[in-house]
């Protein structure tokens, strides 16, 4: 057999085999929402998606108007014992507290005394701005990226980028596949939100404009090598929590969501914003942390606060139970 004939036979074999191998790969892809148990939460999501994507249904919403807002801290990623944004802000303050020119100045003295928790409670609106004051934005971005990849969670001993809830990431993919416009909202620093979420493919696929965090004031120097952005010691109002989330949906998204998912009283404003959507069928959900074995079980006082949210967002908020609705919590958990 000549080399030319052998070459032709090889090409034919590849043309036959490659479509088959591609089909084989498709057959092992996970089914939509396979990490969700067949309970009321999963069925509510699927029914909602079916209705708003069906042109023959009275609840139909055009693709560009299928706005979804999902909280990050405690809804997409673990927020205990402290939200990742707070962990990073405290780390920055402690790193800076050793500088001689900052001796005797707050909050750097509080960082040295390990009293940042009290300061955070009393002056949350200043916390993120003060933590990176004077630093270049590119420097902050690099520090965030290093932290989320290398620093480890005190309980799970995993990098913070691995602390995303796998069923929620699967939900984001499912919504995107059905032409929903997904936004991630957080009270944490805007830069941290973007950098942390970029570590997960399901979220990295979203444009940067889809991440709405608390903004820190910036200034810019124009230099021969290009503009240099650096941080000022303040945040821009409104801080992206509670009422601030509803306001930032208006300011930074410009359209109200038809689906909103959170986990705490800090998300009530976001859930309430669905009531202002121009479409008749909307959905509001709160993730309940009730799984002490695989994650955390919040106390009633600090948990989902569904009663409080219902005063603002209505009585039809649906609960997602981490214990009862999730087949798996983290990717490093045992497979379901």
C-alpha atoms as a PDB file:
ATOM      1  CA  UNK A   1       0.000   0.000   0.000  1.00  0.00           C
ATOM      2  CA  UNK A   2       1.441   3.367  -1.001  1.00  0.00           C
ATOM      3  CA  UNK A   3       1.923   6.147   1.511  1.00  0.00           C
ATOM      4  CA  UNK A   4      -0.567   8.287  -0.397  1.00  0.00           C
ATOM      5  CA  UNK A   5      -3.278   5.612  -0.141  1.00  0.00           C
ATOM      6  CA  UNK A   6      -2.610   5.134   3.567  1.00  0.00           C
ATOM      7  CA  UNK A   7      -2.919   8.883   4.062  1.00  0.00           C
ATOM      8  CA  UNK A   8      -6.294   8.957   2.291  1.00  0.00           C
ATOM      9  CA  UNK A   9      -7.601   6.062   4.401  1.00  0.00           C
ATOM     10  CA  UNK A  10      -6.522   7.883   7.559  1.00  0.00           C
ATOM     11  CA  UNK A  11      -8.394  11.022   6.511  1.00  0.00           C
ATOM     12  CA  UNK A  12     -11.559   9.004   5.818  1.00  0.00           C
ATOM     13  CA  UNK A  13     -11.296   7.295   9.192  1.00  0.00           C
ATOM     14  CA  UNK A  14     -10.962  10.617  10.975  1.00  0.00           C
ATOM     15  CA  UNK A  15     -13.965  12.044   9.149  1.00  0.00           C
ATOM     16  CA  UNK A  16     -16.041   9.088  10.307  1.00  0.00           C
ATOM     17  CA  UNK A  17     -14.703   8.960  13.854  1.00  0.00           C
ATOM     18  CA  UNK A  18     -14.732  12.632  14.838  1.00  0.00           C
ATOM     19  CA  UNK A  19     -18.525  13.158  14.544  1.00  0.00           C
ATOM     20  CA  UNK A  20     -19.055   9.988  16.561  1.00  0.00           C
ATOM     21  CA  UNK A  21     -16.631  11.094  19.251  1.00  0.00           C
ATOM     22  CA  UNK A  22     -18.264  14.517  19.381  1.00  0.00           C
ATOM     23  CA  UNK A  23     -21.652  12.881  19.849  1.00  0.00           C
ATOM     24  CA  UNK A  24     -20.226  10.718  22.608  1.00  0.00           C
ATOM     25  CA  UNK A  25     -19.025  13.816  24.436  1.00  0.00           C
ATOM     26  CA  UNK A  26     -22.426  15.429  24.182  1.00  0.00           C
ATOM     27  CA  UNK A  27     -24.125  12.422  25.732  1.00  0.00           C
ATOM     28  CA  UNK A  28     -22.123  12.745  28.954  1.00  0.00           C
ATOM     29  CA  UNK A  29     -22.840  16.473  29.490  1.00  0.00           C
ATOM     30  CA  UNK A  30     -24.755  17.098  32.695  1.00  0.00           C
ATOM     31  CA  UNK A  31     -28.499  17.585  32.343  1.00  0.00           C
ATOM     32  CA  UNK A  32     -29.945  21.048  33.166  1.00  0.00           C
ATOM     33  CA  UNK A  33     -30.280  21.507  36.946  1.00  0.00           C
ATOM     34  CA  UNK A  34     -29.135  17.924  37.589  1.00  0.00           C
ATOM     35  CA  UNK A  35     -27.593  19.086  40.880  1.00  0.00           C
ATOM     36  CA  UNK A  36     -31.025  20.194  42.104  1.00  0.00           C
ATOM     37  CA  UNK A  37     -33.345  17.684  43.738  1.00  0.00           C
ATOM     38  CA  UNK A  38     -36.788  17.284  42.211  1.00  0.00           C
ATOM     39  CA  UNK A  39     -38.590  19.452  44.707  1.00  0.00           C
ATOM     40  CA  UNK A  40     -40.655  22.637  44.632  1.00  0.00           C
ATOM     41  CA  UNK A  41     -37.707  25.036  44.151  1.00  0.00           C
ATOM     42  CA  UNK A  42     -36.415  23.284  41.039  1.00  0.00           C
ATOM     43  CA  UNK A  43     -39.904  22.896  39.606  1.00  0.00           C
ATOM     44  CA  UNK A  44     -40.678  26.580  40.232  1.00  0.00           C
ATOM     45  CA  UNK A  45     -37.528  27.630  38.350  1.00  0.00           C
ATOM     46  CA  UNK A  46     -38.210  25.317  35.425  1.00  0.00           C
ATOM     47  CA  UNK A  47     -41.845  26.360  35.178  1.00  0.00           C
ATOM     48  CA  UNK A  48     -40.913  30.036  35.304  1.00  0.00           C
ATOM     49  CA  UNK A  49     -38.284  29.613  32.574  1.00  0.00           C
ATOM     50  CA  UNK A  50     -40.688  27.616  30.423  1.00  0.00           C
ATOM     51  CA  UNK A  51     -43.406  30.263  30.657  1.00  0.00           C
ATOM     52  CA  UNK A  52     -41.332  33.384  30.052  1.00  0.00           C
ATOM     53  CA  UNK A  53     -39.526  31.799  27.083  1.00  0.00           C
ATOM     54  CA  UNK A  54     -42.659  30.487  25.352  1.00  0.00           C
ATOM     55  CA  UNK A  55     -44.024  33.052  22.838  1.00  0.00           C
ATOM     56  CA  UNK A  56     -47.456  31.420  23.082  1.00  0.00           C
ATOM     57  CA  UNK A  57     -47.636  31.972  26.846  1.00  0.00           C
ATOM     58  CA  UNK A  58     -49.101  35.163  28.307  1.00  0.00           C
ATOM     59  CA  UNK A  59     -46.028  35.400  30.566  1.00  0.00           C
ATOM     60  CA  UNK A  60     -43.603  35.569  27.612  1.00  0.00           C
ATOM     61  CA  UNK A  61     -40.688  38.003  27.955  1.00  0.00           C
ATOM     62  CA  UNK A  62     -38.415  38.912  25.013  1.00  0.00           C
ATOM     63  CA  UNK A  63     -34.809  37.711  25.516  1.00  0.00           C
ATOM     64  CA  UNK A  64     -33.335  41.181  26.034  1.00  0.00           C
ATOM     65  CA  UNK A  65     -35.757  41.873  28.888  1.00  0.00           C
ATOM     66  CA  UNK A  66     -35.182  38.625  30.818  1.00  0.00           C
ATOM     67  CA  UNK A  67     -33.193  40.382  33.529  1.00  0.00           C
ATOM     68  CA  UNK A  68     -31.947  38.274  36.448  1.00  0.00           C
ATOM     69  CA  UNK A  69     -30.199  39.613  39.556  1.00  0.00           C
ATOM     70  CA  UNK A  70     -28.378  37.129  41.786  1.00  0.00           C
ATOM     71  CA  UNK A  71     -26.600  38.072  44.997  1.00  0.00           C
ATOM     72  CA  UNK A  72     -22.995  36.866  45.267  1.00  0.00           C
ATOM     73  CA  UNK A  73     -22.138  36.604  48.978  1.00  0.00           C
ATOM     74  CA  UNK A  74     -24.040  33.694  50.484  1.00  0.00           C
ATOM     75  CA  UNK A  75     -26.016  32.992  47.302  1.00  0.00           C
ATOM     76  CA  UNK A  76     -23.289  32.101  44.810  1.00  0.00           C
ATOM     77  CA  UNK A  77     -20.302  31.748  47.143  1.00  0.00           C
ATOM     78  CA  UNK A  78     -19.757  30.937  50.821  1.00  0.00           C
ATOM     79  CA  UNK A  79     -19.879  34.033  53.074  1.00  0.00           C
ATOM     80  CA  UNK A  80     -19.046  32.464  56.434  1.00  0.00           C
ATOM     81  CA  UNK A  81     -17.295  33.117  58.729  1.00  0.00           C
ATOM     82  CA  UNK A  82     -16.853  36.385  56.759  1.00  0.00           C
ATOM     83  CA  UNK A  83     -17.700  37.417  53.190  1.00  0.00           C
ATOM     84  CA  UNK A  84     -14.704  37.204  50.855  1.00  0.00           C
ATOM     85  CA  UNK A  85     -14.850  40.965  50.287  1.00  0.00           C
ATOM     86  CA  UNK A  86     -14.445  41.604  54.003  1.00  0.00           C
ATOM     87  CA  UNK A  87     -11.611  39.083  54.264  1.00  0.00           C
ATOM     88  CA  UNK A  88      -9.757  40.897  51.509  1.00  0.00           C
ATOM     89  CA  UNK A  89     -10.417  44.396  52.888  1.00  0.00           C
ATOM     90  CA  UNK A  90      -9.134  43.366  56.326  1.00  0.00           C
ATOM     91  CA  UNK A  91      -6.077  41.775  54.740  1.00  0.00           C
ATOM     92  CA  UNK A  92      -5.296  45.007  52.876  1.00  0.00           C
ATOM     93  CA  UNK A  93      -5.667  47.080  56.032  1.00  0.00           C
ATOM     94  CA  UNK A  94      -3.392  44.771  58.006  1.00  0.00           C
ATOM     95  CA  UNK A  95      -0.788  44.813  55.231  1.00  0.00           C
ATOM     96  CA  UNK A  96      -0.811  48.609  55.210  1.00  0.00           C
ATOM     97  CA  UNK A  97      -0.887  49.030  59.003  1.00  0.00           C
ATOM     98  CA  UNK A  98       2.865  48.538  59.321  1.00  0.00           C
ATOM     99  CA  UNK A  99       3.693  51.637  57.268  1.00  0.00           C
ATOM    100  CA  UNK A 100       5.384  54.261  59.471  1.00  0.00           C
ATOM    101  CA  UNK A 101       3.402  57.145  57.963  1.00  0.00           C
ATOM    102  CA  UNK A 102       0.164  55.453  59.055  1.00  0.00           C
ATOM    103  CA  UNK A 103       1.109  54.990  62.704  1.00  0.00           C
ATOM    104  CA  UNK A 104      -1.644  56.281  65.003  1.00  0.00           C
ATOM    105  CA  UNK A 105      -4.185  56.651  62.186  1.00  0.00           C
ATOM    106  CA  UNK A 106      -7.454  54.764  61.935  1.00  0.00           C
ATOM    107  CA  UNK A 107      -8.416  52.259  60.669  1.00  0.00           C
ATOM    108  CA  UNK A 108      -4.793  51.098  60.569  1.00  0.00           C
ATOM    109  CA  UNK A 109      -4.477  51.249  64.345  1.00  0.00           C
ATOM    110  CA  UNK A 110      -7.626  49.120  64.562  1.00  0.00           C
ATOM    111  CA  UNK A 111      -5.972  46.640  62.211  1.00  0.00           C
ATOM    112  CA  UNK A 112      -2.941  46.447  64.485  1.00  0.00           C
ATOM    113  CA  UNK A 113      -5.195  45.937  67.514  1.00  0.00           C
ATOM    114  CA  UNK A 114      -7.246  43.349  65.629  1.00  0.00           C
ATOM    115  CA  UNK A 115     -10.407  45.424  66.177  1.00  0.00           C
ATOM    116  CA  UNK A 116     -11.512  45.694  62.558  1.00  0.00           C
ATOM    117  CA  UNK A 117     -14.692  43.741  63.155  1.00  0.00           C
ATOM    118  CA  UNK A 118     -16.107  46.484  65.371  1.00  0.00           C
ATOM    119  CA  UNK A 119     -15.026  49.185  62.927  1.00  0.00           C
ATOM    120  CA  UNK A 120     -16.676  47.280  60.086  1.00  0.00           C
ATOM    121  CA  UNK A 121     -19.969  47.198  61.986  1.00  0.00           C
ATOM    122  CA  UNK A 122     -19.869  50.896  62.825  1.00  0.00           C
ATOM    123  CA  UNK A 123     -18.454  52.301  59.556  1.00  0.00           C
ATOM    124  CA  UNK A 124     -19.296  49.809  56.837  1.00  0.00           C
ATOM    125  CA  UNK A 125     -19.879  52.607  54.341  1.00  0.00           C
ATOM    126  CA  UNK A 126     -16.164  53.558  54.614  1.00  0.00           C
ATOM    127  CA  UNK A 127     -14.623  50.131  54.960  1.00  0.00           C
ATOM    128  CA  UNK A 128     -13.778  49.209  51.365  1.00  0.00           C
ATOM    129  CA  UNK A 129     -12.585  52.693  50.446  1.00  0.00           C
ATOM    130  CA  UNK A 130     -10.256  52.978  53.431  1.00  0.00           C
ATOM    131  CA  UNK A 131      -8.804  49.507  52.937  1.00  0.00           C
ATOM    132  CA  UNK A 132      -7.239  50.319  49.563  1.00  0.00           C
ATOM    133  CA  UNK A 133      -6.771  54.081  49.798  1.00  0.00           C
ATOM    134  CA  UNK A 134      -3.861  55.304  47.684  1.00  0.00           C
ATOM    135  CA  UNK A 135      -3.289  51.990  45.914  1.00  0.00           C
ATOM    136  CA  UNK A 136      -3.353  51.695  42.147  1.00  0.00           C
ATOM    137  CA  UNK A 137      -6.388  49.848  40.806  1.00  0.00           C
ATOM    138  CA  UNK A 138      -4.169  47.370  38.947  1.00  0.00           C
ATOM    139  CA  UNK A 139      -2.303  46.678  42.191  1.00  0.00           C
ATOM    140  CA  UNK A 140      -5.583  45.979  43.991  1.00  0.00           C
ATOM    141  CA  UNK A 141      -6.674  43.676  41.174  1.00  0.00           C
ATOM    142  CA  UNK A 142      -3.450  41.664  41.390  1.00  0.00           C
ATOM    143  CA  UNK A 143      -3.710  41.397  45.170  1.00  0.00           C
ATOM    144  CA  UNK A 144      -7.320  40.189  44.928  1.00  0.00           C
ATOM    145  CA  UNK A 145      -6.410  37.595  42.328  1.00  0.00           C
ATOM    146  CA  UNK A 146      -3.548  36.279  44.456  1.00  0.00           C
ATOM    147  CA  UNK A 147      -5.749  36.106  47.546  1.00  0.00           C
ATOM    148  CA  UNK A 148      -8.681  34.248  45.981  1.00  0.00           C
ATOM    149  CA  UNK A 149      -6.283  31.737  44.410  1.00  0.00           C
ATOM    150  CA  UNK A 150      -3.868  31.193  47.295  1.00  0.00           C
ATOM    151  CA  UNK A 151      -5.512  32.094  50.636  1.00  0.00           C
ATOM    152  CA  UNK A 152      -7.512  29.262  52.106  1.00  0.00           C
ATOM    153  CA  UNK A 153     -10.849  29.148  53.890  1.00  0.00           C
ATOM    154  CA  UNK A 154     -10.397  28.512  57.649  1.00  0.00           C
ATOM    155  CA  UNK A 155     -12.857  25.613  57.767  1.00  0.00           C
ATOM    156  CA  UNK A 156     -12.715  23.973  54.339  1.00  0.00           C
ATOM    157  CA  UNK A 157      -8.980  24.544  53.717  1.00  0.00           C
ATOM    158  CA  UNK A 158      -9.689  25.374  50.080  1.00  0.00           C
ATOM    159  CA  UNK A 159      -8.861  28.501  48.062  1.00  0.00           C
ATOM    160  CA  UNK A 160     -11.687  31.034  48.144  1.00  0.00           C
ATOM    161  CA  UNK A 161     -12.270  30.620  44.406  1.00  0.00           C
ATOM    162  CA  UNK A 162     -13.418  27.041  45.088  1.00  0.00           C
ATOM    163  CA  UNK A 163     -16.129  28.112  47.547  1.00  0.00           C
ATOM    164  CA  UNK A 164     -18.853  28.660  44.909  1.00  0.00           C
ATOM    165  CA  UNK A 165     -22.044  26.625  45.200  1.00  0.00           C
ATOM    166  CA  UNK A 166     -22.082  24.242  42.277  1.00  0.00           C
ATOM    167  CA  UNK A 167     -25.907  24.080  41.892  1.00  0.00           C
ATOM    168  CA  UNK A 168     -26.062  27.881  41.682  1.00  0.00           C
ATOM    169  CA  UNK A 169     -23.392  27.972  38.971  1.00  0.00           C
ATOM    170  CA  UNK A 170     -25.394  25.349  37.123  1.00  0.00           C
ATOM    171  CA  UNK A 171     -28.462  27.577  37.462  1.00  0.00           C
ATOM    172  CA  UNK A 172     -26.561  30.515  35.932  1.00  0.00           C
ATOM    173  CA  UNK A 173     -25.617  28.362  32.918  1.00  0.00           C
ATOM    174  CA  UNK A 174     -29.213  27.189  32.575  1.00  0.00           C
ATOM    175  CA  UNK A 175     -30.517  30.752  32.591  1.00  0.00           C
ATOM    176  CA  UNK A 176     -27.921  31.950  30.073  1.00  0.00           C
ATOM    177  CA  UNK A 177     -28.759  29.040  27.775  1.00  0.00           C
ATOM    178  CA  UNK A 178     -32.372  30.208  27.883  1.00  0.00           C
ATOM    179  CA  UNK A 179     -31.356  33.748  26.901  1.00  0.00           C
ATOM    180  CA  UNK A 180     -31.675  35.396  30.303  1.00  0.00           C
ATOM    181  CA  UNK A 181     -29.509  38.448  31.022  1.00  0.00           C
ATOM    182  CA  UNK A 182     -27.787  37.573  34.310  1.00  0.00           C
ATOM    183  CA  UNK A 183     -26.354  40.191  36.687  1.00  0.00           C
ATOM    184  CA  UNK A 184     -24.388  39.396  39.853  1.00  0.00           C
ATOM    185  CA  UNK A 185     -24.915  41.878  42.714  1.00  0.00           C
ATOM    186  CA  UNK A 186     -22.852  42.183  45.875  1.00  0.00           C
ATOM    187  CA  UNK A 187     -22.185  44.515  48.768  1.00  0.00           C
ATOM    188  CA  UNK A 188     -18.494  43.670  48.314  1.00  0.00           C
ATOM    189  CA  UNK A 189     -15.949  45.782  46.451  1.00  0.00           C
ATOM    190  CA  UNK A 190     -16.671  45.987  42.705  1.00  0.00           C
ATOM    191  CA  UNK A 191     -13.132  44.895  41.761  1.00  0.00           C
ATOM    192  CA  UNK A 192     -13.213  41.887  44.066  1.00  0.00           C
ATOM    193  CA  UNK A 193     -16.585  40.802  42.667  1.00  0.00           C
ATOM    194  CA  UNK A 194     -15.263  40.826  39.105  1.00  0.00           C
ATOM    195  CA  UNK A 195     -11.958  39.128  39.904  1.00  0.00           C
ATOM    196  CA  UNK A 196     -13.465  36.423  42.118  1.00  0.00           C
ATOM    197  CA  UNK A 197     -16.271  35.590  39.680  1.00  0.00           C
ATOM    198  CA  UNK A 198     -13.812  35.438  36.771  1.00  0.00           C
ATOM    199  CA  UNK A 199     -12.363  32.318  38.428  1.00  0.00           C
ATOM    200  CA  UNK A 200     -15.536  30.377  37.560  1.00  0.00           C
ATOM    201  CA  UNK A 201     -16.212  29.650  33.850  1.00  0.00           C
ATOM    202  CA  UNK A 202     -19.998  30.011  34.215  1.00  0.00           C
ATOM    203  CA  UNK A 203     -19.505  33.563  35.509  1.00  0.00           C
ATOM    204  CA  UNK A 204     -16.375  34.459  33.521  1.00  0.00           C
ATOM    205  CA  UNK A 205     -18.511  34.146  30.391  1.00  0.00           C
ATOM    206  CA  UNK A 206     -20.547  37.181  31.504  1.00  0.00           C
ATOM    207  CA  UNK A 207     -19.397  40.674  30.427  1.00  0.00           C
ATOM    208  CA  UNK A 208     -17.735  42.802  33.170  1.00  0.00           C
ATOM    209  CA  UNK A 209     -20.730  45.157  33.134  1.00  0.00           C
ATOM    210  CA  UNK A 210     -22.891  42.352  34.566  1.00  0.00           C
ATOM    211  CA  UNK A 211     -21.146  42.545  37.954  1.00  0.00           C
ATOM    212  CA  UNK A 212     -22.538  45.202  40.275  1.00  0.00           C
ATOM    213  CA  UNK A 213     -20.620  45.680  43.517  1.00  0.00           C
ATOM    214  CA  UNK A 214     -19.937  48.562  45.877  1.00  0.00           C
ATOM    215  CA  UNK A 215     -17.933  51.216  44.031  1.00  0.00           C
ATOM    216  CA  UNK A 216     -14.796  52.744  45.490  1.00  0.00           C
ATOM    217  CA  UNK A 217     -13.970  56.295  44.366  1.00  0.00           C
ATOM    218  CA  UNK A 218     -11.062  56.505  41.899  1.00  0.00           C
ATOM    219  CA  UNK A 219      -8.889  59.228  40.462  1.00  0.00           C
ATOM    220  CA  UNK A 220      -6.590  59.113  37.440  1.00  0.00           C
ATOM    221  CA  UNK A 221      -3.113  60.388  36.559  1.00  0.00           C
ATOM    222  CA  UNK A 222      -2.232  60.787  32.894  1.00  0.00           C
ATOM    223  CA  UNK A 223       1.289  59.583  32.280  1.00  0.00           C
ATOM    224  CA  UNK A 224       3.344  58.987  29.126  1.00  0.00           C
ATOM    225  CA  UNK A 225       2.838  55.231  29.452  1.00  0.00           C
ATOM    226  CA  UNK A 226      -0.920  55.666  29.822  1.00  0.00           C
ATOM    227  CA  UNK A 227      -3.510  56.573  32.481  1.00  0.00           C
ATOM    228  CA  UNK A 228      -3.002  55.237  35.994  1.00  0.00           C
ATOM    229  CA  UNK A 229      -6.087  54.789  38.183  1.00  0.00           C
ATOM    230  CA  UNK A 230      -5.767  54.855  41.958  1.00  0.00           C
ATOM    231  CA  UNK A 231      -8.149  54.595  44.892  1.00  0.00           C
ATOM    232  CA  UNK A 232      -9.458  57.330  47.124  1.00  0.00           C
ATOM    233  CA  UNK A 233     -10.444  56.836  50.774  1.00  0.00           C
ATOM    234  CA  UNK A 234     -14.179  56.659  50.224  1.00  0.00           C
ATOM    235  CA  UNK A 235     -16.917  54.653  48.599  1.00  0.00           C
ATOM    236  CA  UNK A 236     -19.496  55.939  46.162  1.00  0.00           C
ATOM    237  CA  UNK A 237     -23.090  56.006  47.314  1.00  0.00           C
ATOM    238  CA  UNK A 238     -25.199  54.028  47.496  1.00  0.00           C
ATOM    239  CA  UNK A 239     -23.366  51.109  49.107  1.00  0.00           C
ATOM    240  CA  UNK A 240     -24.744  48.048  47.359  1.00  0.00           C
ATOM    241  CA  UNK A 241     -26.763  46.587  50.241  1.00  0.00           C
ATOM    242  CA  UNK A 242     -30.455  46.602  51.224  1.00  0.00           C
ATOM    243  CA  UNK A 243     -32.085  49.685  49.696  1.00  0.00           C
ATOM    244  CA  UNK A 244     -28.833  50.379  47.861  1.00  0.00           C
ATOM    245  CA  UNK A 245     -29.288  47.272  45.740  1.00  0.00           C
ATOM    246  CA  UNK A 246     -32.666  48.470  44.497  1.00  0.00           C
ATOM    247  CA  UNK A 247     -31.190  51.888  43.706  1.00  0.00           C
ATOM    248  CA  UNK A 248     -28.169  50.443  41.917  1.00  0.00           C
ATOM    249  CA  UNK A 249     -30.430  48.250  39.796  1.00  0.00           C
ATOM    250  CA  UNK A 250     -31.967  51.482  38.537  1.00  0.00           C
ATOM    251  CA  UNK A 251     -28.698  53.423  38.272  1.00  0.00           C
ATOM    252  CA  UNK A 252     -26.427  50.750  36.810  1.00  0.00           C
ATOM    253  CA  UNK A 253     -28.702  48.251  35.064  1.00  0.00           C
ATOM    254  CA  UNK A 254     -31.567  50.511  34.078  1.00  0.00           C
ATOM    255  CA  UNK A 255     -34.204  47.765  34.025  1.00  0.00           C
ATOM    256  CA  UNK A 256     -35.885  45.834  36.824  1.00  0.00           C
ATOM    257  CA  UNK A 257     -35.380  42.073  37.101  1.00  0.00           C
ATOM    258  CA  UNK A 258     -38.036  39.461  36.468  1.00  0.00           C
ATOM    259  CA  UNK A 259     -36.072  36.992  38.638  1.00  0.00           C
ATOM    260  CA  UNK A 260     -34.089  37.823  41.784  1.00  0.00           C
ATOM    261  CA  UNK A 261     -32.306  35.406  44.112  1.00  0.00           C
ATOM    262  CA  UNK A 262     -30.659  36.323  47.414  1.00  0.00           C
ATOM    263  CA  UNK A 263     -30.109  34.895  50.882  1.00  0.00           C
ATOM    264  CA  UNK A 264     -30.462  37.649  53.499  1.00  0.00           C
ATOM    265  CA  UNK A 265     -32.119  40.886  54.524  1.00  0.00           C
ATOM    266  CA  UNK A 266     -29.423  42.695  52.544  1.00  0.00           C
ATOM    267  CA  UNK A 267     -31.111  41.372  49.404  1.00  0.00           C
ATOM    268  CA  UNK A 268     -34.658  42.493  50.162  1.00  0.00           C
ATOM    269  CA  UNK A 269     -34.400  45.631  48.043  1.00  0.00           C
ATOM    270  CA  UNK A 270     -33.240  43.557  45.088  1.00  0.00           C
ATOM    271  CA  UNK A 271     -36.165  41.159  45.471  1.00  0.00           C
ATOM    272  CA  UNK A 272     -38.591  44.059  45.810  1.00  0.00           C
ATOM    273  CA  UNK A 273     -37.306  45.485  42.507  1.00  0.00           C
ATOM    274  CA  UNK A 274     -39.006  42.617  40.657  1.00  0.00           C
ATOM    275  CA  UNK A 275     -42.341  44.201  41.630  1.00  0.00           C
ATOM    276  CA  UNK A 276     -41.484  47.143  39.383  1.00  0.00           C
ATOM    277  CA  UNK A 277     -40.802  44.957  36.329  1.00  0.00           C
ATOM    278  CA  UNK A 278     -43.104  45.640  33.386  1.00  0.00           C
ATOM    279  CA  UNK A 279     -44.017  41.974  32.944  1.00  0.00           C
ATOM    280  CA  UNK A 280     -46.795  40.174  34.855  1.00  0.00           C
ATOM    281  CA  UNK A 281     -44.928  37.033  35.932  1.00  0.00           C
ATOM    282  CA  UNK A 282     -41.860  37.437  38.154  1.00  0.00           C
ATOM    283  CA  UNK A 283     -40.044  35.215  40.639  1.00  0.00           C
ATOM    284  CA  UNK A 284     -38.303  35.931  43.959  1.00  0.00           C
ATOM    285  CA  UNK A 285     -36.215  33.341  45.839  1.00  0.00           C
ATOM    286  CA  UNK A 286     -34.079  33.195  48.991  1.00  0.00           C
ATOM    287  CA  UNK A 287     -31.421  30.570  49.666  1.00  0.00           C
ATOM    288  CA  UNK A 288     -31.758  29.181  53.177  1.00  0.00           C
ATOM    289  CA  UNK A 289     -28.485  28.102  54.813  1.00  0.00           C
ATOM    290  CA  UNK A 290     -29.644  25.071  56.765  1.00  0.00           C
ATOM    291  CA  UNK A 291     -26.848  22.572  56.065  1.00  0.00           C
ATOM    292  CA  UNK A 292     -24.338  22.551  58.921  1.00  0.00           C
ATOM    293  CA  UNK A 293     -22.707  19.380  57.618  1.00  0.00           C
ATOM    294  CA  UNK A 294     -21.825  20.534  54.102  1.00  0.00           C
ATOM    295  CA  UNK A 295     -21.711  24.301  54.673  1.00  0.00           C
ATOM    296  CA  UNK A 296     -23.302  26.299  57.540  1.00  0.00           C
ATOM    297  CA  UNK A 297     -26.641  26.457  59.309  1.00  0.00           C
ATOM    298  CA  UNK A 298     -27.465  30.091  60.024  1.00  0.00           C
ATOM    299  CA  UNK A 299     -29.409  30.993  63.117  1.00  0.00           C
ATOM    300  CA  UNK A 300     -32.953  32.275  62.621  1.00  0.00           C
ATOM    301  CA  UNK A 301     -31.789  35.797  63.489  1.00  0.00           C
ATOM    302  CA  UNK A 302     -29.068  35.861  60.815  1.00  0.00           C
ATOM    303  CA  UNK A 303     -30.540  33.510  58.245  1.00  0.00           C
ATOM    304  CA  UNK A 304     -32.743  34.083  55.245  1.00  0.00           C
ATOM    305  CA  UNK A 305     -34.941  36.716  56.929  1.00  0.00           C
ATOM    306  CA  UNK A 306     -37.836  35.701  54.696  1.00  0.00           C
ATOM    307  CA  UNK A 307     -40.371  37.402  56.943  1.00  0.00           C
ATOM    308  CA  UNK A 308     -38.593  40.728  56.735  1.00  0.00           C
ATOM    309  CA  UNK A 309     -38.175  40.456  52.955  1.00  0.00           C
ATOM    310  CA  UNK A 310     -41.832  39.596  52.521  1.00  0.00           C
ATOM    311  CA  UNK A 311     -42.791  42.931  54.030  1.00  0.00           C
ATOM    312  CA  UNK A 312     -40.916  44.651  51.205  1.00  0.00           C
ATOM    313  CA  UNK A 313     -41.078  42.177  48.323  1.00  0.00           C
ATOM    314  CA  UNK A 314     -44.382  40.346  48.880  1.00  0.00           C
ATOM    315  CA  UNK A 315     -45.581  37.138  50.477  1.00  0.00           C
ATOM    316  CA  UNK A 316     -44.777  34.852  47.543  1.00  0.00           C
ATOM    317  CA  UNK A 317     -40.996  34.584  48.049  1.00  0.00           C
ATOM    318  CA  UNK A 318     -39.907  30.985  47.529  1.00  0.00           C
ATOM    319  CA  UNK A 319     -37.283  29.350  49.711  1.00  0.00           C
ATOM    320  CA  UNK A 320     -34.372  27.253  48.453  1.00  0.00           C
ATOM    321  CA  UNK A 321     -33.060  24.834  51.069  1.00  0.00           C
ATOM    322  CA  UNK A 322     -29.348  24.105  50.794  1.00  0.00           C
ATOM    323  CA  UNK A 323     -29.858  20.890  52.745  1.00  0.00           C
ATOM    324  CA  UNK A 324     -32.940  19.612  50.911  1.00  0.00           C
ATOM    325  CA  UNK A 325     -32.610  21.098  47.404  1.00  0.00           C
ATOM    326  CA  UNK A 326     -28.895  20.727  46.600  1.00  0.00           C
ATOM    327  CA  UNK A 327     -27.531  17.336  45.574  1.00  0.00           C
ATOM    328  CA  UNK A 328     -24.031  18.754  46.047  1.00  0.00           C
ATOM    329  CA  UNK A 329     -22.828  22.043  47.542  1.00  0.00           C
ATOM    330  CA  UNK A 330     -19.183  22.541  46.529  1.00  0.00           C
ATOM    331  CA  UNK A 331     -17.306  20.961  43.628  1.00  0.00           C
ATOM    332  CA  UNK A 332     -14.924  19.320  46.116  1.00  0.00           C
ATOM    333  CA  UNK A 333     -17.807  17.576  47.910  1.00  0.00           C
ATOM    334  CA  UNK A 334     -18.461  13.917  47.253  1.00  0.00           C
ATOM    335  CA  UNK A 335     -20.289  13.476  43.954  1.00  0.00           C
ATOM    336  CA  UNK A 336     -24.081  13.098  44.327  1.00  0.00           C
END
